[in-house]
Amino acid sequence: MDAAIMRLEAQNAELRSALSSTTADLVASTAAPVPPIVGEGYVLSSLYLSSIIRTGRLMHLDGLVRTSTGAITMLNPESPGIVHMTREGATLSSLTEHAILSAPLGVDAPNDAPVEHHLLYVLLAQQSLNNPGRAATILSDSPFSVAASKNPDAFVLDAEKTGIGRVAIIDDGPVDQMIQEIGEAFRDIGGNAMVVRGRFVLGFGLDVESAMQALSTLEANMQRHVLR
């Protein structure tokens, strides 16, 4: 018995050491300097680029995305009308400046834009109406939130006492129909997240940190709901 306890204690010590090392590596990597992205008529500063990179890594740690899934978009607060987004298929846990695309909002998206960029764009536009130049939208797998949305009779997830409000459930369908439903839900229900039934979750806020926080809070709440 004593030998078994000693082995367990040794294993726990190894796990704590590994976790400490991983945390230290994450802190070091997110603190590493990155160059700004300079394009025609805009600059994405190192500060905002670092926020995108850090958010991608934290999303992966929180289990919100898998390898090569998810998308992060934000308006440039210093260059009105410019949207920055992660490439389709980019691994959010290991983003660099080369994984970021930039384009004017409201025109054709770049070829490598996220597949669901139409939905991301409409949420950016909706938010920026009341907060000029400040908006971010994130698409995540969020498995427990998606699982909680599969009840065909449910149209809202109630994230109890989380501070993110009610979460609209949008039915999957033609893009134009989904855009219309997202606009209506944004206006009538509010909140900081929406679920496309059985597919993915959209979190939004004034910046990427607040958008990710909404996703993380919702997922933790839905995990408790699904597993209870």
C-alpha atoms as a PDB file:
ATOM      1  CA  MET A   1       0.000   0.000   0.000  1.00  0.00           C
ATOM      2  CA  ASP A   2       2.770   2.423   0.936  1.00  0.00           C
ATOM      3  CA  ALA A   3       4.577   1.687  -2.331  1.00  0.00           C
ATOM      4  CA  ALA A   4       1.401   2.356  -4.331  1.00  0.00           C
ATOM      5  CA  ILE A   5       0.868   5.672  -2.542  1.00  0.00           C
ATOM      6  CA  MET A   6       4.460   6.661  -3.205  1.00  0.00           C
ATOM      7  CA  ARG A   7       4.044   5.865  -6.912  1.00  0.00           C
ATOM      8  CA  LEU A   8       0.871   7.977  -7.078  1.00  0.00           C
ATOM      9  CA  GLU A   9       2.613  10.863  -5.338  1.00  0.00           C
ATOM     10  CA  ALA A  10       5.510  10.609  -7.786  1.00  0.00           C
ATOM     11  CA  GLN A  11       3.095  10.611 -10.744  1.00  0.00           C
ATOM     12  CA  ASN A  12       1.261  13.634  -9.345  1.00  0.00           C
ATOM     13  CA  ALA A  13       4.557  15.459  -8.934  1.00  0.00           C
ATOM     14  CA  GLU A  14       5.440  14.702 -12.565  1.00  0.00           C
ATOM     15  CA  LEU A  15       2.042  15.958 -13.748  1.00  0.00           C
ATOM     16  CA  ARG A  16       2.394  19.182 -11.745  1.00  0.00           C
ATOM     17  CA  SER A  17       5.861  19.709 -13.176  1.00  0.00           C
ATOM     18  CA  ALA A  18       4.630  19.117 -16.730  1.00  0.00           C
ATOM     19  CA  LEU A  19       1.680  21.493 -16.234  1.00  0.00           C
ATOM     20  CA  SER A  20       3.954  24.160 -14.797  1.00  0.00           C
ATOM     21  CA  SER A  21       6.300  23.806 -17.758  1.00  0.00           C
ATOM     22  CA  THR A  22       3.404  24.009 -20.241  1.00  0.00           C
ATOM     23  CA  THR A  23       2.039  27.131 -18.551  1.00  0.00           C
ATOM     24  CA  ALA A  24       5.474  28.742 -18.571  1.00  0.00           C
ATOM     25  CA  ASP A  25       5.874  27.933 -22.267  1.00  0.00           C
ATOM     26  CA  LEU A  26       2.454  29.435 -23.038  1.00  0.00           C
ATOM     27  CA  VAL A  27       3.225  32.625 -21.141  1.00  0.00           C
ATOM     28  CA  ALA A  28       6.578  32.924 -22.894  1.00  0.00           C
ATOM     29  CA  SER A  29       5.101  32.302 -26.335  1.00  0.00           C
ATOM     30  CA  THR A  30       2.245  34.773 -25.928  1.00  0.00           C
ATOM     31  CA  ALA A  31       4.643  37.387 -24.576  1.00  0.00           C
ATOM     32  CA  ALA A  32       6.994  37.010 -27.539  1.00  0.00           C
ATOM     33  CA  PRO A  33       7.065  40.138 -29.742  1.00  0.00           C
ATOM     34  CA  VAL A  34       5.304  39.967 -33.106  1.00  0.00           C
ATOM     35  CA  PRO A  35       5.623  42.400 -36.005  1.00  0.00           C
ATOM     36  CA  PRO A  36       2.656  44.576 -36.977  1.00  0.00           C
ATOM     37  CA  ILE A  37       0.800  43.762 -40.181  1.00  0.00           C
ATOM     38  CA  VAL A  38       1.067  46.638 -42.647  1.00  0.00           C
ATOM     39  CA  GLY A  39      -1.232  46.766 -45.656  1.00  0.00           C
ATOM     40  CA  GLU A  40      -2.587  49.301 -48.107  1.00  0.00           C
ATOM     41  CA  GLY A  41      -4.259  51.936 -45.959  1.00  0.00           C
ATOM     42  CA  TYR A  42      -4.078  50.092 -42.647  1.00  0.00           C
ATOM     43  CA  VAL A  43      -1.815  48.786 -39.905  1.00  0.00           C
ATOM     44  CA  LEU A  44      -2.708  46.012 -37.466  1.00  0.00           C
ATOM     45  CA  SER A  45      -0.553  46.863 -34.476  1.00  0.00           C
ATOM     46  CA  SER A  46       1.554  44.329 -32.604  1.00  0.00           C
ATOM     47  CA  LEU A  47      -0.771  44.749 -29.620  1.00  0.00           C
ATOM     48  CA  TYR A  48      -3.895  43.658 -31.498  1.00  0.00           C
ATOM     49  CA  LEU A  49      -2.083  40.923 -33.407  1.00  0.00           C
ATOM     50  CA  SER A  50      -0.792  39.519 -30.120  1.00  0.00           C
ATOM     51  CA  SER A  51      -4.368  39.512 -28.797  1.00  0.00           C
ATOM     52  CA  ILE A  52      -5.510  37.376 -31.734  1.00  0.00           C
ATOM     53  CA  ILE A  53      -2.606  34.951 -31.313  1.00  0.00           C
ATOM     54  CA  ARG A  54      -3.097  34.661 -27.560  1.00  0.00           C
ATOM     55  CA  THR A  55      -6.848  34.156 -27.955  1.00  0.00           C
ATOM     56  CA  GLY A  56      -6.300  31.318 -30.423  1.00  0.00           C
ATOM     57  CA  ARG A  57      -4.049  29.495 -27.981  1.00  0.00           C
ATOM     58  CA  LEU A  58      -6.404  29.991 -25.058  1.00  0.00           C
ATOM     59  CA  MET A  59      -9.338  28.704 -27.120  1.00  0.00           C
ATOM     60  CA  HIS A  60      -7.439  25.508 -27.819  1.00  0.00           C
ATOM     61  CA  LEU A  61      -6.555  25.091 -24.136  1.00  0.00           C
ATOM     62  CA  ASP A  62     -10.220  25.601 -23.204  1.00  0.00           C
ATOM     63  CA  GLY A  63     -11.309  22.878 -25.623  1.00  0.00           C
ATOM     64  CA  LEU A  64     -13.313  25.307 -27.737  1.00  0.00           C
ATOM     65  CA  VAL A  65     -11.647  24.272 -31.006  1.00  0.00           C
ATOM     66  CA  ARG A  66      -9.752  21.368 -32.537  1.00  0.00           C
ATOM     67  CA  THR A  67      -6.797  21.494 -34.885  1.00  0.00           C
ATOM     68  CA  SER A  68      -7.613  23.476 -38.037  1.00  0.00           C
ATOM     69  CA  THR A  69     -11.106  24.477 -36.883  1.00  0.00           C
ATOM     70  CA  GLY A  70     -12.586  27.744 -35.669  1.00  0.00           C
ATOM     71  CA  ALA A  71     -12.071  31.311 -36.817  1.00  0.00           C
ATOM     72  CA  ILE A  72     -11.253  34.670 -35.251  1.00  0.00           C
ATOM     73  CA  THR A  73     -12.294  37.990 -36.801  1.00  0.00           C
ATOM     74  CA  MET A  74     -12.065  41.573 -35.611  1.00  0.00           C
ATOM     75  CA  LEU A  75     -12.433  45.101 -36.913  1.00  0.00           C
ATOM     76  CA  ASN A  76      -9.319  47.238 -36.844  1.00  0.00           C
ATOM     77  CA  PRO A  77      -9.967  49.876 -34.146  1.00  0.00           C
ATOM     78  CA  GLU A  78      -7.409  52.202 -35.725  1.00  0.00           C
ATOM     79  CA  SER A  79      -8.313  51.713 -39.409  1.00  0.00           C
ATOM     80  CA  PRO A  80     -12.111  51.964 -39.815  1.00  0.00           C
ATOM     81  CA  GLY A  81     -13.741  49.434 -42.109  1.00  0.00           C
ATOM     82  CA  ILE A  82     -10.871  46.940 -42.153  1.00  0.00           C
ATOM     83  CA  VAL A  83     -11.534  43.415 -40.905  1.00  0.00           C
ATOM     84  CA  HIS A  84      -8.786  40.995 -39.889  1.00  0.00           C
ATOM     85  CA  MET A  85      -9.473  37.252 -39.856  1.00  0.00           C
ATOM     86  CA  THR A  86      -7.710  33.929 -39.514  1.00  0.00           C
ATOM     87  CA  ARG A  87      -7.285  31.881 -42.673  1.00  0.00           C
ATOM     88  CA  GLU A  88      -9.603  28.947 -43.310  1.00  0.00           C
ATOM     89  CA  GLY A  89      -7.998  25.855 -41.778  1.00  0.00           C
ATOM     90  CA  ALA A  90      -5.517  27.819 -39.670  1.00  0.00           C
ATOM     91  CA  THR A  91      -4.490  26.100 -36.442  1.00  0.00           C
ATOM     92  CA  LEU A  92      -5.585  28.595 -33.802  1.00  0.00           C
ATOM     93  CA  SER A  93      -3.217  27.191 -31.190  1.00  0.00           C
ATOM     94  CA  SER A  94      -0.164  28.134 -33.268  1.00  0.00           C
ATOM     95  CA  LEU A  95      -1.085  31.312 -35.124  1.00  0.00           C
ATOM     96  CA  THR A  96       1.475  33.659 -36.638  1.00  0.00           C
ATOM     97  CA  GLU A  97       1.078  36.876 -38.606  1.00  0.00           C
ATOM     98  CA  HIS A  98       1.065  34.768 -41.791  1.00  0.00           C
ATOM     99  CA  ALA A  99      -2.259  33.176 -40.770  1.00  0.00           C
ATOM    100  CA  ILE A 100      -4.058  36.543 -40.684  1.00  0.00           C
ATOM    101  CA  LEU A 101      -5.961  37.945 -43.668  1.00  0.00           C
ATOM    102  CA  SER A 102      -7.146  41.538 -43.983  1.00  0.00           C
ATOM    103  CA  ALA A 103      -9.805  43.125 -46.177  1.00  0.00           C
ATOM    104  CA  PRO A 104     -12.373  45.930 -46.206  1.00  0.00           C
ATOM    105  CA  LEU A 105     -15.639  44.929 -44.546  1.00  0.00           C
ATOM    106  CA  GLY A 106     -18.523  44.702 -46.992  1.00  0.00           C
ATOM    107  CA  VAL A 107     -16.559  43.630 -50.074  1.00  0.00           C
ATOM    108  CA  ASP A 108     -15.709  40.180 -51.375  1.00  0.00           C
ATOM    109  CA  ALA A 109     -13.718  38.253 -48.778  1.00  0.00           C
ATOM    110  CA  PRO A 110     -10.220  36.943 -49.606  1.00  0.00           C
ATOM    111  CA  ASN A 111      -9.994  33.497 -51.189  1.00  0.00           C
ATOM    112  CA  ASP A 112      -8.685  31.892 -47.990  1.00  0.00           C
ATOM    113  CA  ALA A 113     -11.281  33.523 -45.732  1.00  0.00           C
ATOM    114  CA  PRO A 114     -13.166  31.311 -43.263  1.00  0.00           C
ATOM    115  CA  VAL A 115     -15.966  29.354 -44.929  1.00  0.00           C
ATOM    116  CA  GLU A 116     -18.533  30.978 -42.626  1.00  0.00           C
ATOM    117  CA  HIS A 117     -17.201  34.510 -43.157  1.00  0.00           C
ATOM    118  CA  HIS A 118     -20.655  35.752 -44.232  1.00  0.00           C
ATOM    119  CA  LEU A 119     -22.020  35.023 -40.755  1.00  0.00           C
ATOM    120  CA  LEU A 120     -18.957  36.468 -39.056  1.00  0.00           C
ATOM    121  CA  TYR A 121     -19.184  39.622 -41.158  1.00  0.00           C
ATOM    122  CA  VAL A 122     -22.834  40.277 -40.352  1.00  0.00           C
ATOM    123  CA  LEU A 123     -22.145  40.096 -36.618  1.00  0.00           C
ATOM    124  CA  LEU A 124     -19.179  42.443 -36.975  1.00  0.00           C
ATOM    125  CA  ALA A 125     -21.377  44.897 -38.847  1.00  0.00           C
ATOM    126  CA  GLN A 126     -24.205  44.649 -36.299  1.00  0.00           C
ATOM    127  CA  GLN A 127     -21.893  45.336 -33.370  1.00  0.00           C
ATOM    128  CA  SER A 128     -20.074  48.198 -35.050  1.00  0.00           C
ATOM    129  CA  LEU A 129     -23.327  50.128 -35.518  1.00  0.00           C
ATOM    130  CA  ASN A 130     -23.280  51.118 -31.855  1.00  0.00           C
ATOM    131  CA  ASN A 131     -19.523  50.818 -31.310  1.00  0.00           C
ATOM    132  CA  PRO A 132     -17.776  52.292 -34.366  1.00  0.00           C
ATOM    133  CA  GLY A 133     -14.507  50.519 -35.077  1.00  0.00           C
ATOM    134  CA  ARG A 134     -14.864  48.026 -32.229  1.00  0.00           C
ATOM    135  CA  ALA A 135     -16.158  44.520 -32.869  1.00  0.00           C
ATOM    136  CA  ALA A 136     -14.904  40.948 -32.825  1.00  0.00           C
ATOM    137  CA  THR A 137     -16.582  37.653 -33.663  1.00  0.00           C
ATOM    138  CA  ILE A 138     -15.237  34.149 -33.069  1.00  0.00           C
ATOM    139  CA  LEU A 139     -16.454  30.812 -34.426  1.00  0.00           C
ATOM    140  CA  SER A 140     -15.801  27.771 -32.241  1.00  0.00           C
ATOM    141  CA  ASP A 141     -16.631  24.057 -32.089  1.00  0.00           C
ATOM    142  CA  SER A 142     -17.759  24.316 -28.422  1.00  0.00           C
ATOM    143  CA  PRO A 143     -18.955  20.672 -28.301  1.00  0.00           C
ATOM    144  CA  PHE A 144     -21.135  20.902 -25.187  1.00  0.00           C
ATOM    145  CA  SER A 145     -22.849  24.080 -26.360  1.00  0.00           C
ATOM    146  CA  VAL A 146     -23.539  22.478 -29.747  1.00  0.00           C
ATOM    147  CA  ALA A 147     -24.850  19.316 -28.054  1.00  0.00           C
ATOM    148  CA  ALA A 148     -27.208  21.408 -25.929  1.00  0.00           C
ATOM    149  CA  SER A 149     -28.633  23.018 -29.084  1.00  0.00           C
ATOM    150  CA  LYS A 150     -29.814  19.792 -30.726  1.00  0.00           C
ATOM    151  CA  ASN A 151     -33.282  19.784 -29.167  1.00  0.00           C
ATOM    152  CA  PRO A 152     -35.424  20.742 -32.196  1.00  0.00           C
ATOM    153  CA  ASP A 153     -37.977  22.442 -29.945  1.00  0.00           C
ATOM    154  CA  ALA A 154     -35.410  24.752 -28.316  1.00  0.00           C
ATOM    155  CA  PHE A 155     -34.645  28.166 -29.780  1.00  0.00           C
ATOM    156  CA  VAL A 156     -32.718  29.687 -26.884  1.00  0.00           C
ATOM    157  CA  LEU A 157     -30.048  28.383 -24.511  1.00  0.00           C
ATOM    158  CA  ASP A 158     -30.326  29.873 -21.050  1.00  0.00           C
ATOM    159  CA  ALA A 159     -26.794  30.379 -19.735  1.00  0.00           C
ATOM    160  CA  GLU A 160     -27.911  30.659 -16.123  1.00  0.00           C
ATOM    161  CA  LYS A 161     -26.378  33.479 -14.117  1.00  0.00           C
ATOM    162  CA  THR A 162     -23.326  33.771 -16.377  1.00  0.00           C
ATOM    163  CA  GLY A 163     -23.721  37.384 -17.427  1.00  0.00           C
ATOM    164  CA  ILE A 164     -23.824  36.613 -21.153  1.00  0.00           C
ATOM    165  CA  GLY A 165     -27.610  36.657 -21.409  1.00  0.00           C
ATOM    166  CA  ARG A 166     -29.779  34.358 -23.477  1.00  0.00           C
ATOM    167  CA  VAL A 167     -28.158  32.546 -26.382  1.00  0.00           C
ATOM    168  CA  ALA A 168     -30.158  32.267 -29.602  1.00  0.00           C
ATOM    169  CA  ILE A 169     -30.192  28.993 -31.539  1.00  0.00           C
ATOM    170  CA  ILE A 170     -30.093  29.536 -35.299  1.00  0.00           C
ATOM    171  CA  ASP A 171     -31.249  26.742 -37.596  1.00  0.00           C
ATOM    172  CA  ASP A 172     -28.733  25.615 -40.197  1.00  0.00           C
ATOM    173  CA  GLY A 173     -29.816  26.481 -43.717  1.00  0.00           C
ATOM    174  CA  PRO A 174     -29.114  28.721 -46.723  1.00  0.00           C
ATOM    175  CA  VAL A 175     -26.676  31.540 -45.976  1.00  0.00           C
ATOM    176  CA  ASP A 176     -29.201  34.316 -46.677  1.00  0.00           C
ATOM    177  CA  GLN A 177     -31.701  32.760 -44.288  1.00  0.00           C
ATOM    178  CA  MET A 178     -29.085  32.357 -41.555  1.00  0.00           C
ATOM    179  CA  ILE A 179     -27.927  35.960 -41.984  1.00  0.00           C
ATOM    180  CA  GLN A 180     -31.521  37.149 -41.588  1.00  0.00           C
ATOM    181  CA  GLU A 181     -32.034  35.020 -38.455  1.00  0.00           C
ATOM    182  CA  ILE A 182     -28.759  36.229 -36.947  1.00  0.00           C
ATOM    183  CA  GLY A 183     -29.759  39.850 -37.500  1.00  0.00           C
ATOM    184  CA  GLU A 184     -33.152  39.271 -35.893  1.00  0.00           C
ATOM    185  CA  ALA A 185     -31.648  37.399 -32.933  1.00  0.00           C
ATOM    186  CA  PHE A 186     -29.031  40.093 -32.398  1.00  0.00           C
ATOM    187  CA  ARG A 187     -31.749  42.751 -32.315  1.00  0.00           C
ATOM    188  CA  ASP A 188     -34.440  40.870 -30.372  1.00  0.00           C
ATOM    189  CA  ILE A 189     -32.519  38.564 -28.005  1.00  0.00           C
ATOM    190  CA  GLY A 190     -29.121  40.174 -27.584  1.00  0.00           C
ATOM    191  CA  GLY A 191     -26.554  38.259 -25.576  1.00  0.00           C
ATOM    192  CA  ASN A 192     -22.932  37.652 -26.521  1.00  0.00           C
ATOM    193  CA  ALA A 193     -23.194  34.318 -28.328  1.00  0.00           C
ATOM    194  CA  MET A 194     -25.341  32.356 -30.783  1.00  0.00           C
ATOM    195  CA  VAL A 195     -25.422  28.680 -31.702  1.00  0.00           C
ATOM    196  CA  VAL A 196     -25.982  27.343 -35.198  1.00  0.00           C
ATOM    197  CA  ARG A 197     -27.908  24.210 -34.296  1.00  0.00           C
ATOM    198  CA  GLY A 198     -25.747  21.105 -34.334  1.00  0.00           C
ATOM    199  CA  ARG A 199     -22.776  22.839 -35.967  1.00  0.00           C
ATOM    200  CA  PHE A 200     -20.865  25.614 -34.188  1.00  0.00           C
ATOM    201  CA  VAL A 201     -21.064  28.607 -31.853  1.00  0.00           C
ATOM    202  CA  LEU A 202     -20.492  32.299 -32.586  1.00  0.00           C
ATOM    203  CA  GLY A 203     -19.205  34.497 -29.767  1.00  0.00           C
ATOM    204  CA  PHE A 204     -18.969  38.260 -30.133  1.00  0.00           C
ATOM    205  CA  GLY A 205     -17.902  41.351 -28.244  1.00  0.00           C
ATOM    206  CA  LEU A 206     -15.997  44.601 -28.536  1.00  0.00           C
ATOM    207  CA  ASP A 207     -12.674  42.736 -28.775  1.00  0.00           C
ATOM    208  CA  VAL A 208     -11.393  39.191 -29.216  1.00  0.00           C
ATOM    209  CA  GLU A 209     -10.893  38.707 -25.482  1.00  0.00           C
ATOM    210  CA  SER A 210     -14.530  39.453 -24.626  1.00  0.00           C
ATOM    211  CA  ALA A 211     -15.773  37.319 -27.537  1.00  0.00           C
ATOM    212  CA  MET A 212     -13.706  34.364 -26.337  1.00  0.00           C
ATOM    213  CA  GLN A 213     -14.835  34.920 -22.748  1.00  0.00           C
ATOM    214  CA  ALA A 214     -18.462  34.601 -23.870  1.00  0.00           C
ATOM    215  CA  LEU A 215     -17.682  31.311 -25.625  1.00  0.00           C
ATOM    216  CA  SER A 216     -15.746  29.936 -22.670  1.00  0.00           C
ATOM    217  CA  THR A 217     -18.430  30.922 -20.157  1.00  0.00           C
ATOM    218  CA  LEU A 218     -21.196  29.407 -22.283  1.00  0.00           C
ATOM    219  CA  GLU A 219     -19.280  26.173 -22.833  1.00  0.00           C
ATOM    220  CA  ALA A 220     -18.593  25.692 -19.118  1.00  0.00           C
ATOM    221  CA  ASN A 221     -22.270  26.275 -18.351  1.00  0.00           C
ATOM    222  CA  MET A 222     -23.472  23.903 -21.073  1.00  0.00           C
ATOM    223  CA  GLN A 223     -20.994  21.225 -19.988  1.00  0.00           C
ATOM    224  CA  ARG A 224     -22.595  21.204 -16.552  1.00  0.00           C
ATOM    225  CA  HIS A 225     -26.046  21.139 -18.174  1.00  0.00           C
ATOM    226  CA  VAL A 226     -25.271  18.234 -20.536  1.00  0.00           C
ATOM    227  CA  LEU A 227     -23.439  16.095 -17.967  1.00  0.00           C
ATOM    228  CA  ARG A 228     -25.780  16.516 -15.010  1.00  0.00           C
END
